[in-house]
Amino acid sequence: MALHGVAAMLAMLALGSVLPFHLKAGLKSKRKWLSGLGQLGFLASLIITGALLYYGPEGIRDTLVNLHWMIGLAFFVIFLLHTINVRDR
């Protein structure tokens, strides 16, 4: 779990440094908006559920664990769709 937390922190650092340029270029090109903005929404959800798992109340932990897993798996699918040459609007 500690390795997962460190990896998440590094991913957020990378996201913050790349996001302004990548997002601006993506919005200008008008390609892959759906999967790109979908990824952004899933990442925001992962950050929120991850923070709640760490700092949130114990009573919602079991639900959050399952939710965080489901969001993470869905993010992976969206990431693959965004990465391969699939055109969306």
C-alpha atoms as a PDB file:
ATOM      1  CA  MET A   1       0.000   0.000   0.000  1.00  0.00           C
ATOM      2  CA  ALA A   2       2.866   2.361   0.752  1.00  0.00           C
ATOM      3  CA  LEU A   3       4.281   1.786  -2.729  1.00  0.00           C
ATOM      4  CA  HIS A   4       0.850   2.492  -4.217  1.00  0.00           C
ATOM      5  CA  GLY A   5       0.676   5.770  -2.260  1.00  0.00           C
ATOM      6  CA  VAL A   6       4.135   6.846  -3.400  1.00  0.00           C
ATOM      7  CA  ALA A   7       3.290   5.963  -7.000  1.00  0.00           C
ATOM      8  CA  ALA A   8       0.078   7.995  -6.729  1.00  0.00           C
ATOM      9  CA  MET A   9       1.994  11.012  -5.412  1.00  0.00           C
ATOM     10  CA  LEU A  10       4.491  10.759  -8.279  1.00  0.00           C
ATOM     11  CA  ALA A  11       1.634  10.396 -10.774  1.00  0.00           C
ATOM     12  CA  MET A  12      -0.027  13.538  -9.395  1.00  0.00           C
ATOM     13  CA  LEU A  13       3.278  15.401  -9.668  1.00  0.00           C
ATOM     14  CA  ALA A  14       3.666  14.271 -13.284  1.00  0.00           C
ATOM     15  CA  LEU A  15       0.037  15.107 -14.033  1.00  0.00           C
ATOM     16  CA  GLY A  16       0.430  18.605 -12.643  1.00  0.00           C
ATOM     17  CA  SER A  17       3.531  19.289 -14.700  1.00  0.00           C
ATOM     18  CA  VAL A  18       2.192  17.883 -17.997  1.00  0.00           C
ATOM     19  CA  LEU A  19      -1.502  18.727 -17.756  1.00  0.00           C
ATOM     20  CA  PRO A  20      -1.436  22.421 -18.745  1.00  0.00           C
ATOM     21  CA  PHE A  21       0.426  21.756 -21.987  1.00  0.00           C
ATOM     22  CA  HIS A  22      -1.231  18.466 -22.923  1.00  0.00           C
ATOM     23  CA  LEU A  23      -4.733  19.697 -22.142  1.00  0.00           C
ATOM     24  CA  LYS A  24      -4.253  22.921 -24.083  1.00  0.00           C
ATOM     25  CA  ALA A  25      -2.903  21.046 -27.118  1.00  0.00           C
ATOM     26  CA  GLY A  26      -5.717  18.489 -26.917  1.00  0.00           C
ATOM     27  CA  LEU A  27      -8.419  21.124 -26.728  1.00  0.00           C
ATOM     28  CA  LYS A  28      -6.893  22.961 -29.688  1.00  0.00           C
ATOM     29  CA  SER A  29      -6.700  19.828 -31.830  1.00  0.00           C
ATOM     30  CA  LYS A  30     -10.320  18.915 -31.031  1.00  0.00           C
ATOM     31  CA  ARG A  31      -9.391  15.230 -30.904  1.00  0.00           C
ATOM     32  CA  LYS A  32      -9.950  12.673 -28.162  1.00  0.00           C
ATOM     33  CA  TRP A  33     -11.909  15.095 -25.978  1.00  0.00           C
ATOM     34  CA  LEU A  34     -14.236  12.479 -24.564  1.00  0.00           C
ATOM     35  CA  SER A  35     -11.536  10.071 -23.430  1.00  0.00           C
ATOM     36  CA  GLY A  36      -9.220  12.886 -22.332  1.00  0.00           C
ATOM     37  CA  LEU A  37     -11.791  14.669 -20.195  1.00  0.00           C
ATOM     38  CA  GLY A  38     -13.027  11.277 -18.997  1.00  0.00           C
ATOM     39  CA  GLN A  39      -9.521  10.511 -17.758  1.00  0.00           C
ATOM     40  CA  LEU A  40      -9.394  13.832 -15.974  1.00  0.00           C
ATOM     41  CA  GLY A  41     -12.687  13.089 -14.227  1.00  0.00           C
ATOM     42  CA  PHE A  42     -11.576   9.593 -13.233  1.00  0.00           C
ATOM     43  CA  LEU A  43      -8.249  10.914 -11.941  1.00  0.00           C
ATOM     44  CA  ALA A  44     -10.027  13.539  -9.854  1.00  0.00           C
ATOM     45  CA  SER A  45     -12.266  10.800  -8.443  1.00  0.00           C
ATOM     46  CA  LEU A  46      -9.237   8.632  -7.651  1.00  0.00           C
ATOM     47  CA  ILE A  47      -7.542  11.520  -5.856  1.00  0.00           C
ATOM     48  CA  ILE A  48     -10.663  12.259  -3.808  1.00  0.00           C
ATOM     49  CA  THR A  49     -11.343   8.638  -2.877  1.00  0.00           C
ATOM     50  CA  GLY A  50      -7.657   8.084  -2.117  1.00  0.00           C
ATOM     51  CA  ALA A  51      -7.607  11.088   0.215  1.00  0.00           C
ATOM     52  CA  LEU A  52     -10.801   9.901   1.895  1.00  0.00           C
ATOM     53  CA  LEU A  53      -9.300   6.430   2.353  1.00  0.00           C
ATOM     54  CA  TYR A  54      -6.346   7.999   4.131  1.00  0.00           C
ATOM     55  CA  TYR A  55      -8.053  10.800   6.049  1.00  0.00           C
ATOM     56  CA  GLY A  56     -11.750   9.936   5.985  1.00  0.00           C
ATOM     57  CA  PRO A  57     -13.970   8.341   8.600  1.00  0.00           C
ATOM     58  CA  GLU A  58     -13.583   4.632   9.294  1.00  0.00           C
ATOM     59  CA  GLY A  59     -17.292   3.976   8.706  1.00  0.00           C
ATOM     60  CA  ILE A  60     -17.062   4.557   4.944  1.00  0.00           C
ATOM     61  CA  ARG A  61     -13.699   2.881   4.389  1.00  0.00           C
ATOM     62  CA  ASP A  62     -15.014  -0.455   3.032  1.00  0.00           C
ATOM     63  CA  THR A  63     -17.260   1.306   0.531  1.00  0.00           C
ATOM     64  CA  LEU A  64     -14.427   3.617  -0.516  1.00  0.00           C
ATOM     65  CA  VAL A  65     -12.021   0.732  -1.048  1.00  0.00           C
ATOM     66  CA  ASN A  66     -14.433  -0.886  -3.518  1.00  0.00           C
ATOM     67  CA  LEU A  67     -15.251   2.426  -5.187  1.00  0.00           C
ATOM     68  CA  HIS A  68     -11.558   3.324  -5.537  1.00  0.00           C
ATOM     69  CA  TRP A  69     -10.869  -0.073  -7.151  1.00  0.00           C
ATOM     70  CA  MET A  70     -13.757   0.268  -9.610  1.00  0.00           C
ATOM     71  CA  ILE A  71     -12.754   3.810 -10.569  1.00  0.00           C
ATOM     72  CA  GLY A  72      -9.136   2.712 -10.984  1.00  0.00           C
ATOM     73  CA  LEU A  73     -10.072  -0.142 -13.312  1.00  0.00           C
ATOM     74  CA  ALA A  74     -12.372   2.120 -15.337  1.00  0.00           C
ATOM     75  CA  PHE A  75      -9.594   4.714 -15.559  1.00  0.00           C
ATOM     76  CA  PHE A  76      -7.236   2.079 -16.957  1.00  0.00           C
ATOM     77  CA  VAL A  77      -9.728   1.238 -19.735  1.00  0.00           C
ATOM     78  CA  ILE A  78     -10.239   4.932 -20.574  1.00  0.00           C
ATOM     79  CA  PHE A  79      -6.462   5.422 -20.547  1.00  0.00           C
ATOM     80  CA  LEU A  80      -5.988   2.596 -23.043  1.00  0.00           C
ATOM     81  CA  LEU A  81      -8.736   3.952 -25.288  1.00  0.00           C
ATOM     82  CA  HIS A  82      -7.157   7.401 -25.159  1.00  0.00           C
ATOM     83  CA  THR A  83      -3.665   6.083 -25.831  1.00  0.00           C
ATOM     84  CA  ILE A  84      -4.446   3.912 -28.841  1.00  0.00           C
ATOM     85  CA  ASN A  85      -5.519   5.612 -32.018  1.00  0.00           C
ATOM     86  CA  VAL A  86      -9.242   5.700 -31.276  1.00  0.00           C
ATOM     87  CA  ARG A  87     -10.901   8.874 -32.436  1.00  0.00           C
ATOM     88  CA  ASP A  88     -13.602  10.368 -30.268  1.00  0.00           C
ATOM     89  CA  ARG A  89     -15.132  13.792 -30.243  1.00  0.00           C
END
